[in-house]
């Protein structure tokens, strides 16, 4: 899986998460373009291959805890082909 593929998979998970919250009645104001979901290499290799701050960026507009969002997104990424694990 390329970084672009992983970024797109993460964007799709964020999009689905936002849709679920809206369906549950939340008034969510979040306009996020696919290229806004970026990946970077962690400073320490033992922290994994890729990292993203997307959970921090969307927490306030969603009125949610960033760690809970990160956990939910990681669980979704764990089910994506080409992703060995996500934390």
Foldseek 3Di string as FASTA:
>chain_A
DDQLVLLQLLVVLVVVVVVVLVVVPDPADDDDDSVNFHWDQDPDCVVDGIDTQVLVVRCVSRVHDSVVVQVSSQVSSCPDPPDVGGD
